[in-house]
């Protein structure tokens, strides 16, 4: 059990509109119960608009000892914003989360890992707004927002902002973030366990689950911009997520939230202009 894993949750309301019943709050309560029973403390990356609508849930998460971190204002990918919009939205969400928790928000995760080679302008804005670490880079090719060529181990951007990339592993010919979301739901547990155990000491392992990953009772609906088969694929394979997480907790030690970890040993410095 030398390898430890940080549990992180991306707390977002993924419904296309309010005609679809809201389920993230009841599922998040189940996740909190699961974590509490196992004394696991998490980092919860939270969307600002969700916090505005449901501040009581954010307070419960915070009061349970979990870290509240930043997951954008309204889950718009960086690729669909300019620097001015990003600065305004990021500050607005940070202010909302800090007002609710009464604590400084130090961590940030870009929606859908959209911190890429084309959106590196965001790095200086995050630092300017007082964020201390980012967990926004997927250092592999991906149909959505991959960043092949970025370091796979934690590093510091040249402005001092720490970056904690998504853990990736090779499954067949493909590199994928095996500890999170769709991949965690579909990959056999043996593959996930094997990849995590073989990860080097320089890698910080973390999950990135969402409430819907644990919600087989949610009805299937067509995702905007996705075909019916793709929407169905993204909806399936949810019923065993808690069981997989339980097996992960039996095989590995869970670490403290990101804000409580010591990042002093991260010495690799990366200038965005070199990527």
C-alpha atoms as a PDB file:
ATOM      1  CA  UNK A   1       0.000   0.000   0.000  1.00  0.00           C
ATOM      2  CA  UNK A   2       2.910   2.372  -0.766  1.00  0.00           C
ATOM      3  CA  UNK A   3       0.889   4.133  -3.470  1.00  0.00           C
ATOM      4  CA  UNK A   4      -1.750   6.603  -2.293  1.00  0.00           C
ATOM      5  CA  UNK A   5      -4.633   8.155  -4.221  1.00  0.00           C
ATOM      6  CA  UNK A   6      -6.435  11.451  -3.715  1.00  0.00           C
ATOM      7  CA  UNK A   7     -10.198  11.298  -4.182  1.00  0.00           C
ATOM      8  CA  UNK A   8     -11.421  14.267  -6.197  1.00  0.00           C
ATOM      9  CA  UNK A   9     -14.973  14.981  -7.261  1.00  0.00           C
ATOM     10  CA  UNK A  10     -16.068  17.364 -10.018  1.00  0.00           C
ATOM     11  CA  UNK A  11     -19.300  18.795  -8.634  1.00  0.00           C
ATOM     12  CA  UNK A  12     -21.426  20.017 -11.514  1.00  0.00           C
ATOM     13  CA  UNK A  13     -25.031  20.025 -12.657  1.00  0.00           C
ATOM     14  CA  UNK A  14     -24.756  18.350 -16.040  1.00  0.00           C
ATOM     15  CA  UNK A  15     -28.437  18.564 -17.028  1.00  0.00           C
ATOM     16  CA  UNK A  16     -29.222  20.173 -20.402  1.00  0.00           C
ATOM     17  CA  UNK A  17     -31.994  22.267 -18.800  1.00  0.00           C
ATOM     18  CA  UNK A  18     -34.344  22.289 -15.822  1.00  0.00           C
ATOM     19  CA  UNK A  19     -36.901  20.043 -17.533  1.00  0.00           C
ATOM     20  CA  UNK A  20     -34.618  17.165 -16.493  1.00  0.00           C
ATOM     21  CA  UNK A  21     -34.922  16.380 -12.747  1.00  0.00           C
ATOM     22  CA  UNK A  22     -31.940  17.488 -10.634  1.00  0.00           C
ATOM     23  CA  UNK A  23     -30.144  14.550  -9.025  1.00  0.00           C
ATOM     24  CA  UNK A  24     -26.608  15.709  -8.205  1.00  0.00           C
ATOM     25  CA  UNK A  25     -27.452  16.772  -4.643  1.00  0.00           C
ATOM     26  CA  UNK A  26     -28.916  13.439  -3.485  1.00  0.00           C
ATOM     27  CA  UNK A  27     -26.104  11.505  -5.169  1.00  0.00           C
ATOM     28  CA  UNK A  28     -23.468  13.786  -3.627  1.00  0.00           C
ATOM     29  CA  UNK A  29     -24.948  13.052  -0.193  1.00  0.00           C
ATOM     30  CA  UNK A  30     -24.457   9.337  -0.886  1.00  0.00           C
ATOM     31  CA  UNK A  31     -20.856   9.984  -1.896  1.00  0.00           C
ATOM     32  CA  UNK A  32     -20.268  12.000   1.289  1.00  0.00           C
ATOM     33  CA  UNK A  33     -21.677   9.127   3.351  1.00  0.00           C
ATOM     34  CA  UNK A  34     -19.384   6.658   1.573  1.00  0.00           C
ATOM     35  CA  UNK A  35     -16.341   8.859   2.212  1.00  0.00           C
ATOM     36  CA  UNK A  36     -17.262   9.507   5.849  1.00  0.00           C
ATOM     37  CA  UNK A  37     -17.630   5.797   6.601  1.00  0.00           C
ATOM     38  CA  UNK A  38     -14.077   5.248   5.343  1.00  0.00           C
ATOM     39  CA  UNK A  39     -12.538   8.440   6.791  1.00  0.00           C
ATOM     40  CA  UNK A  40     -11.595   9.645   3.295  1.00  0.00           C
ATOM     41  CA  UNK A  41     -11.193  13.388   2.821  1.00  0.00           C
ATOM     42  CA  UNK A  42     -11.673  14.675  -0.722  1.00  0.00           C
ATOM     43  CA  UNK A  43     -11.031  17.663  -2.912  1.00  0.00           C
ATOM     44  CA  UNK A  44     -14.335  18.759  -4.459  1.00  0.00           C
ATOM     45  CA  UNK A  45     -13.972  20.945  -7.548  1.00  0.00           C
ATOM     46  CA  UNK A  46     -17.176  22.959  -7.586  1.00  0.00           C
ATOM     47  CA  UNK A  47     -18.927  24.928 -10.340  1.00  0.00           C
ATOM     48  CA  UNK A  48     -19.828  28.462  -9.253  1.00  0.00           C
ATOM     49  CA  UNK A  49     -23.409  28.511 -10.549  1.00  0.00           C
ATOM     50  CA  UNK A  50     -24.133  25.287  -8.661  1.00  0.00           C
ATOM     51  CA  UNK A  51     -22.743  26.828  -5.463  1.00  0.00           C
ATOM     52  CA  UNK A  52     -24.922  29.905  -5.997  1.00  0.00           C
ATOM     53  CA  UNK A  53     -28.047  27.747  -6.224  1.00  0.00           C
ATOM     54  CA  UNK A  54     -27.115  25.237  -3.503  1.00  0.00           C
ATOM     55  CA  UNK A  55     -24.808  26.884  -0.934  1.00  0.00           C
ATOM     56  CA  UNK A  56     -26.067  24.598   1.830  1.00  0.00           C
ATOM     57  CA  UNK A  57     -24.634  21.546   0.051  1.00  0.00           C
ATOM     58  CA  UNK A  58     -21.261  23.281  -0.317  1.00  0.00           C
ATOM     59  CA  UNK A  59     -21.259  24.111   3.397  1.00  0.00           C
ATOM     60  CA  UNK A  60     -22.006  20.490   4.281  1.00  0.00           C
ATOM     61  CA  UNK A  61     -19.108  19.301   2.141  1.00  0.00           C
ATOM     62  CA  UNK A  62     -16.793  21.899   3.676  1.00  0.00           C
ATOM     63  CA  UNK A  63     -17.959  21.217   7.239  1.00  0.00           C
ATOM     64  CA  UNK A  64     -17.255  17.503   6.717  1.00  0.00           C
ATOM     65  CA  UNK A  65     -13.568  18.364   6.262  1.00  0.00           C
ATOM     66  CA  UNK A  66     -13.333  18.208   2.484  1.00  0.00           C
ATOM     67  CA  UNK A  67     -11.566  20.815   0.369  1.00  0.00           C
ATOM     68  CA  UNK A  68     -13.738  23.043  -1.787  1.00  0.00           C
ATOM     69  CA  UNK A  69     -11.857  23.936  -4.970  1.00  0.00           C
ATOM     70  CA  UNK A  70     -12.739  25.843  -8.138  1.00  0.00           C
ATOM     71  CA  UNK A  71     -14.267  24.229 -11.254  1.00  0.00           C
ATOM     72  CA  UNK A  72     -15.167  27.357 -13.259  1.00  0.00           C
ATOM     73  CA  UNK A  73     -18.214  29.588 -12.999  1.00  0.00           C
ATOM     74  CA  UNK A  74     -20.560  27.743 -15.354  1.00  0.00           C
ATOM     75  CA  UNK A  75     -18.516  24.830 -16.752  1.00  0.00           C
ATOM     76  CA  UNK A  76     -17.692  26.582 -20.006  1.00  0.00           C
ATOM     77  CA  UNK A  77     -14.448  25.147 -21.467  1.00  0.00           C
ATOM     78  CA  UNK A  78     -11.534  27.548 -21.732  1.00  0.00           C
ATOM     79  CA  UNK A  79     -11.571  27.026 -25.497  1.00  0.00           C
ATOM     80  CA  UNK A  80     -14.932  28.839 -25.642  1.00  0.00           C
ATOM     81  CA  UNK A  81     -13.792  31.899 -23.662  1.00  0.00           C
ATOM     82  CA  UNK A  82     -11.399  34.753 -24.227  1.00  0.00           C
ATOM     83  CA  UNK A  83      -9.002  35.911 -21.530  1.00  0.00           C
ATOM     84  CA  UNK A  84     -11.294  38.712 -20.330  1.00  0.00           C
ATOM     85  CA  UNK A  85     -14.300  36.432 -19.929  1.00  0.00           C
ATOM     86  CA  UNK A  86     -12.157  33.847 -18.197  1.00  0.00           C
ATOM     87  CA  UNK A  87     -10.750  36.336 -15.707  1.00  0.00           C
ATOM     88  CA  UNK A  88     -14.187  37.733 -14.850  1.00  0.00           C
ATOM     89  CA  UNK A  89     -15.875  34.338 -14.545  1.00  0.00           C
ATOM     90  CA  UNK A  90     -13.031  32.805 -12.559  1.00  0.00           C
ATOM     91  CA  UNK A  91     -12.969  35.676 -10.070  1.00  0.00           C
ATOM     92  CA  UNK A  92     -16.755  35.585  -9.726  1.00  0.00           C
ATOM     93  CA  UNK A  93     -16.805  31.861  -8.932  1.00  0.00           C
ATOM     94  CA  UNK A  94     -13.842  32.169  -6.553  1.00  0.00           C
ATOM     95  CA  UNK A  95     -15.641  34.943  -4.650  1.00  0.00           C
ATOM     96  CA  UNK A  96     -18.811  32.831  -4.416  1.00  0.00           C
ATOM     97  CA  UNK A  97     -16.965  29.792  -3.051  1.00  0.00           C
ATOM     98  CA  UNK A  98     -14.962  31.871  -0.573  1.00  0.00           C
ATOM     99  CA  UNK A  99     -18.104  33.618   0.693  1.00  0.00           C
ATOM    100  CA  UNK A 100     -19.755  30.235   1.316  1.00  0.00           C
ATOM    101  CA  UNK A 101     -16.784  28.492   2.944  1.00  0.00           C
ATOM    102  CA  UNK A 102     -15.136  31.434   4.660  1.00  0.00           C
ATOM    103  CA  UNK A 103     -11.779  30.175   3.383  1.00  0.00           C
ATOM    104  CA  UNK A 104      -9.394  31.059   0.573  1.00  0.00           C
ATOM    105  CA  UNK A 105      -9.888  28.881  -2.498  1.00  0.00           C
ATOM    106  CA  UNK A 106      -6.478  27.712  -3.720  1.00  0.00           C
ATOM    107  CA  UNK A 107      -7.208  24.944  -6.263  1.00  0.00           C
ATOM    108  CA  UNK A 108      -8.628  25.041  -9.791  1.00  0.00           C
ATOM    109  CA  UNK A 109      -9.670  22.482 -12.398  1.00  0.00           C
ATOM    110  CA  UNK A 110     -10.591  23.531 -15.935  1.00  0.00           C
ATOM    111  CA  UNK A 111     -13.842  22.093 -17.322  1.00  0.00           C
ATOM    112  CA  UNK A 112     -13.165  18.970 -19.404  1.00  0.00           C
ATOM    113  CA  UNK A 113      -9.373  19.402 -18.991  1.00  0.00           C
ATOM    114  CA  UNK A 114      -9.531  22.361 -21.373  1.00  0.00           C
ATOM    115  CA  UNK A 115      -6.191  23.820 -20.272  1.00  0.00           C
ATOM    116  CA  UNK A 116      -4.367  22.963 -23.490  1.00  0.00           C
ATOM    117  CA  UNK A 117      -1.647  24.335 -25.723  1.00  0.00           C
ATOM    118  CA  UNK A 118      -4.225  26.787 -27.142  1.00  0.00           C
ATOM    119  CA  UNK A 119      -5.398  28.117 -23.761  1.00  0.00           C
ATOM    120  CA  UNK A 120      -2.127  28.600 -21.906  1.00  0.00           C
ATOM    121  CA  UNK A 121      -3.037  32.277 -21.438  1.00  0.00           C
ATOM    122  CA  UNK A 122      -5.145  31.030 -18.500  1.00  0.00           C
ATOM    123  CA  UNK A 123      -2.070  30.082 -16.445  1.00  0.00           C
ATOM    124  CA  UNK A 124      -1.110  33.678 -15.630  1.00  0.00           C
ATOM    125  CA  UNK A 125      -4.719  34.630 -14.877  1.00  0.00           C
ATOM    126  CA  UNK A 126      -5.056  31.794 -12.364  1.00  0.00           C
ATOM    127  CA  UNK A 127      -1.894  32.958 -10.612  1.00  0.00           C
ATOM    128  CA  UNK A 128      -3.022  36.592 -10.730  1.00  0.00           C
ATOM    129  CA  UNK A 129      -6.307  35.663  -9.013  1.00  0.00           C
ATOM    130  CA  UNK A 130      -4.537  33.898  -6.163  1.00  0.00           C
ATOM    131  CA  UNK A 131      -4.939  30.257  -7.178  1.00  0.00           C
ATOM    132  CA  UNK A 132      -2.013  28.148  -5.972  1.00  0.00           C
ATOM    133  CA  UNK A 133      -2.462  24.936  -7.937  1.00  0.00           C
ATOM    134  CA  UNK A 134      -4.230  23.695 -11.031  1.00  0.00           C
ATOM    135  CA  UNK A 135      -5.383  20.188 -11.877  1.00  0.00           C
ATOM    136  CA  UNK A 136      -6.402  20.928 -15.427  1.00  0.00           C
ATOM    137  CA  UNK A 137      -4.072  19.147 -17.847  1.00  0.00           C
ATOM    138  CA  UNK A 138      -4.705  15.800 -19.519  1.00  0.00           C
ATOM    139  CA  UNK A 139      -1.222  14.994 -20.906  1.00  0.00           C
ATOM    140  CA  UNK A 140      -2.382  12.680 -23.700  1.00  0.00           C
ATOM    141  CA  UNK A 141      -4.343  12.790 -26.968  1.00  0.00           C
ATOM    142  CA  UNK A 142      -8.085  12.968 -26.354  1.00  0.00           C
ATOM    143  CA  UNK A 143     -11.176  13.525 -28.527  1.00  0.00           C
ATOM    144  CA  UNK A 144     -12.059  16.565 -26.409  1.00  0.00           C
ATOM    145  CA  UNK A 145      -9.207  18.495 -24.764  1.00  0.00           C
ATOM    146  CA  UNK A 146      -5.990  16.513 -24.548  1.00  0.00           C
ATOM    147  CA  UNK A 147      -2.548  18.102 -24.147  1.00  0.00           C
ATOM    148  CA  UNK A 148      -0.018  15.616 -25.603  1.00  0.00           C
ATOM    149  CA  UNK A 149       3.515  16.743 -24.880  1.00  0.00           C
ATOM    150  CA  UNK A 150       2.713  18.233 -21.483  1.00  0.00           C
ATOM    151  CA  UNK A 151       4.543  16.635 -18.525  1.00  0.00           C
ATOM    152  CA  UNK A 152       2.739  13.686 -16.955  1.00  0.00           C
ATOM    153  CA  UNK A 153       4.295  14.329 -13.518  1.00  0.00           C
ATOM    154  CA  UNK A 154       3.437  17.354 -11.342  1.00  0.00           C
ATOM    155  CA  UNK A 155       5.323  20.510 -12.250  1.00  0.00           C
ATOM    156  CA  UNK A 156       5.396  24.251 -11.670  1.00  0.00           C
ATOM    157  CA  UNK A 157       4.525  26.692 -14.391  1.00  0.00           C
ATOM    158  CA  UNK A 158       7.184  29.391 -14.686  1.00  0.00           C
ATOM    159  CA  UNK A 159       4.947  31.827 -12.769  1.00  0.00           C
ATOM    160  CA  UNK A 160       4.929  29.467  -9.756  1.00  0.00           C
ATOM    161  CA  UNK A 161       1.480  27.909 -10.245  1.00  0.00           C
ATOM    162  CA  UNK A 162       1.605  24.169  -9.509  1.00  0.00           C
ATOM    163  CA  UNK A 163       0.074  21.824 -12.092  1.00  0.00           C
ATOM    164  CA  UNK A 164      -1.094  18.321 -11.095  1.00  0.00           C
ATOM    165  CA  UNK A 165      -1.789  16.490 -14.387  1.00  0.00           C
ATOM    166  CA  UNK A 166      -4.353  13.736 -14.728  1.00  0.00           C
ATOM    167  CA  UNK A 167      -2.756  10.315 -14.153  1.00  0.00           C
ATOM    168  CA  UNK A 168      -2.563   8.454 -17.444  1.00  0.00           C
ATOM    169  CA  UNK A 169      -1.755   4.872 -18.375  1.00  0.00           C
ATOM    170  CA  UNK A 170      -1.449   2.903 -21.586  1.00  0.00           C
ATOM    171  CA  UNK A 171      -4.342   0.545 -22.276  1.00  0.00           C
ATOM    172  CA  UNK A 172      -3.650  -1.249 -25.524  1.00  0.00           C
ATOM    173  CA  UNK A 173      -2.379   1.416 -27.948  1.00  0.00           C
ATOM    174  CA  UNK A 174      -4.133   4.269 -26.119  1.00  0.00           C
ATOM    175  CA  UNK A 175      -3.088   6.570 -23.280  1.00  0.00           C
ATOM    176  CA  UNK A 176      -6.048   7.330 -21.040  1.00  0.00           C
ATOM    177  CA  UNK A 177      -6.908   8.801 -17.606  1.00  0.00           C
ATOM    178  CA  UNK A 178      -7.866   5.421 -16.158  1.00  0.00           C
ATOM    179  CA  UNK A 179      -8.785   6.672 -12.661  1.00  0.00           C
ATOM    180  CA  UNK A 180     -11.621   8.951 -13.716  1.00  0.00           C
ATOM    181  CA  UNK A 181     -15.121   9.285 -15.028  1.00  0.00           C
ATOM    182  CA  UNK A 182     -16.038   7.280 -18.119  1.00  0.00           C
ATOM    183  CA  UNK A 183     -12.737   5.376 -18.026  1.00  0.00           C
ATOM    184  CA  UNK A 184     -13.086   4.372 -14.371  1.00  0.00           C
ATOM    185  CA  UNK A 185     -16.616   3.121 -15.053  1.00  0.00           C
ATOM    186  CA  UNK A 186     -15.748   1.033 -18.120  1.00  0.00           C
ATOM    187  CA  UNK A 187     -12.267  -0.339 -17.523  1.00  0.00           C
ATOM    188  CA  UNK A 188     -11.987  -3.640 -15.625  1.00  0.00           C
ATOM    189  CA  UNK A 189     -10.890  -3.061 -12.051  1.00  0.00           C
ATOM    190  CA  UNK A 190      -7.824  -5.257 -12.565  1.00  0.00           C
ATOM    191  CA  UNK A 191      -6.588  -2.897 -15.285  1.00  0.00           C
ATOM    192  CA  UNK A 192      -7.134   0.156 -13.073  1.00  0.00           C
ATOM    193  CA  UNK A 193      -5.390  -1.476 -10.120  1.00  0.00           C
ATOM    194  CA  UNK A 194      -2.457  -2.604 -12.251  1.00  0.00           C
ATOM    195  CA  UNK A 195      -1.923   0.843 -13.778  1.00  0.00           C
ATOM    196  CA  UNK A 196      -2.080   2.550 -10.381  1.00  0.00           C
ATOM    197  CA  UNK A 197       0.370   0.124  -8.791  1.00  0.00           C
ATOM    198  CA  UNK A 198       2.829   0.588 -11.652  1.00  0.00           C
ATOM    199  CA  UNK A 199       2.693   4.390 -11.504  1.00  0.00           C
ATOM    200  CA  UNK A 200       6.023   5.941 -10.591  1.00  0.00           C
ATOM    201  CA  UNK A 201       6.728   7.787  -7.363  1.00  0.00           C
ATOM    202  CA  UNK A 202       6.845  11.088  -9.240  1.00  0.00           C
ATOM    203  CA  UNK A 203       3.158  10.857 -10.188  1.00  0.00           C
ATOM    204  CA  UNK A 204       0.362  12.079  -7.909  1.00  0.00           C
ATOM    205  CA  UNK A 205      -2.577   9.719  -8.367  1.00  0.00           C
ATOM    206  CA  UNK A 206      -6.131  11.023  -8.179  1.00  0.00           C
ATOM    207  CA  UNK A 207      -9.631  10.107  -9.225  1.00  0.00           C
ATOM    208  CA  UNK A 208     -11.932  12.545 -10.974  1.00  0.00           C
ATOM    209  CA  UNK A 209     -15.469  11.334 -10.488  1.00  0.00           C
ATOM    210  CA  UNK A 210     -18.741  13.212 -10.973  1.00  0.00           C
ATOM    211  CA  UNK A 211     -22.044  12.663  -9.151  1.00  0.00           C
ATOM    212  CA  UNK A 212     -23.585  11.156 -12.282  1.00  0.00           C
ATOM    213  CA  UNK A 213     -20.882   8.462 -12.394  1.00  0.00           C
ATOM    214  CA  UNK A 214     -22.555   6.987  -9.304  1.00  0.00           C
ATOM    215  CA  UNK A 215     -26.151   7.408 -10.468  1.00  0.00           C
ATOM    216  CA  UNK A 216     -27.652   4.461 -12.390  1.00  0.00           C
ATOM    217  CA  UNK A 217     -31.146   5.719 -11.524  1.00  0.00           C
ATOM    218  CA  UNK A 218     -30.826   8.840 -13.636  1.00  0.00           C
ATOM    219  CA  UNK A 219     -32.842   8.524 -16.829  1.00  0.00           C
ATOM    220  CA  UNK A 220     -31.004   8.541 -20.121  1.00  0.00           C
ATOM    221  CA  UNK A 221     -31.319  11.757 -22.095  1.00  0.00           C
ATOM    222  CA  UNK A 222     -29.749  13.052 -25.278  1.00  0.00           C
ATOM    223  CA  UNK A 223     -26.605  15.075 -24.562  1.00  0.00           C
ATOM    224  CA  UNK A 224     -26.438  18.327 -26.515  1.00  0.00           C
ATOM    225  CA  UNK A 225     -24.029  17.956 -29.403  1.00  0.00           C
ATOM    226  CA  UNK A 226     -23.764  14.165 -29.042  1.00  0.00           C
ATOM    227  CA  UNK A 227     -25.429  11.410 -31.037  1.00  0.00           C
ATOM    228  CA  UNK A 228     -27.965   9.089 -29.431  1.00  0.00           C
ATOM    229  CA  UNK A 229     -25.473   6.147 -29.339  1.00  0.00           C
ATOM    230  CA  UNK A 230     -22.774   8.328 -27.751  1.00  0.00           C
ATOM    231  CA  UNK A 231     -25.256   9.685 -25.201  1.00  0.00           C
ATOM    232  CA  UNK A 232     -26.254   6.128 -24.328  1.00  0.00           C
ATOM    233  CA  UNK A 233     -22.613   5.075 -23.969  1.00  0.00           C
ATOM    234  CA  UNK A 234     -21.906   7.977 -21.610  1.00  0.00           C
ATOM    235  CA  UNK A 235     -24.964   7.091 -19.535  1.00  0.00           C
ATOM    236  CA  UNK A 236     -24.315   3.344 -19.112  1.00  0.00           C
ATOM    237  CA  UNK A 237     -22.080   1.422 -16.676  1.00  0.00           C
ATOM    238  CA  UNK A 238     -22.818   3.397 -13.509  1.00  0.00           C
ATOM    239  CA  UNK A 239     -24.154   0.738 -11.170  1.00  0.00           C
ATOM    240  CA  UNK A 240     -20.740  -0.616 -10.129  1.00  0.00           C
ATOM    241  CA  UNK A 241     -18.923   2.678  -9.512  1.00  0.00           C
ATOM    242  CA  UNK A 242     -19.302   2.565  -5.733  1.00  0.00           C
ATOM    243  CA  UNK A 243     -18.111  -1.059  -5.740  1.00  0.00           C
ATOM    244  CA  UNK A 244     -15.044  -0.116  -7.791  1.00  0.00           C
ATOM    245  CA  UNK A 245     -14.284   2.754  -5.443  1.00  0.00           C
ATOM    246  CA  UNK A 246     -14.617   0.385  -2.489  1.00  0.00           C
ATOM    247  CA  UNK A 247     -12.123  -1.999  -4.079  1.00  0.00           C
ATOM    248  CA  UNK A 248      -9.800   0.927  -4.726  1.00  0.00           C
ATOM    249  CA  UNK A 249     -10.002   1.865  -1.040  1.00  0.00           C
ATOM    250  CA  UNK A 250      -9.153  -1.743  -0.099  1.00  0.00           C
ATOM    251  CA  UNK A 251      -6.115  -1.809  -2.409  1.00  0.00           C
ATOM    252  CA  UNK A 252      -4.691   1.683  -1.815  1.00  0.00           C
ATOM    253  CA  UNK A 253      -4.392   4.281   0.889  1.00  0.00           C
ATOM    254  CA  UNK A 254      -6.350   7.468   0.210  1.00  0.00           C
ATOM    255  CA  UNK A 255      -4.389  10.661   0.662  1.00  0.00           C
ATOM    256  CA  UNK A 256      -5.446  14.013   2.134  1.00  0.00           C
ATOM    257  CA  UNK A 257      -7.010  16.743  -0.056  1.00  0.00           C
ATOM    258  CA  UNK A 258      -4.690  18.564  -2.420  1.00  0.00           C
ATOM    259  CA  UNK A 259      -4.552  21.725  -0.291  1.00  0.00           C
ATOM    260  CA  UNK A 260      -3.106  19.711   2.612  1.00  0.00           C
ATOM    261  CA  UNK A 261      -0.395  17.994   0.582  1.00  0.00           C
ATOM    262  CA  UNK A 262       3.228  19.103   0.589  1.00  0.00           C
ATOM    263  CA  UNK A 263       4.242  20.161  -2.914  1.00  0.00           C
ATOM    264  CA  UNK A 264       7.682  21.471  -1.936  1.00  0.00           C
ATOM    265  CA  UNK A 265       9.375  18.573  -3.709  1.00  0.00           C
ATOM    266  CA  UNK A 266       7.947  19.633  -7.089  1.00  0.00           C
ATOM    267  CA  UNK A 267      10.964  21.242  -8.730  1.00  0.00           C
ATOM    268  CA  UNK A 268      10.297  20.762 -12.446  1.00  0.00           C
ATOM    269  CA  UNK A 269       9.557  24.221 -13.896  1.00  0.00           C
ATOM    270  CA  UNK A 270       7.827  24.558 -17.270  1.00  0.00           C
ATOM    271  CA  UNK A 271       7.666  27.704 -19.375  1.00  0.00           C
ATOM    272  CA  UNK A 272       4.323  27.646 -21.264  1.00  0.00           C
ATOM    273  CA  UNK A 273       6.027  29.098 -24.350  1.00  0.00           C
ATOM    274  CA  UNK A 274       8.096  25.904 -24.693  1.00  0.00           C
ATOM    275  CA  UNK A 275       5.097  23.573 -25.043  1.00  0.00           C
END
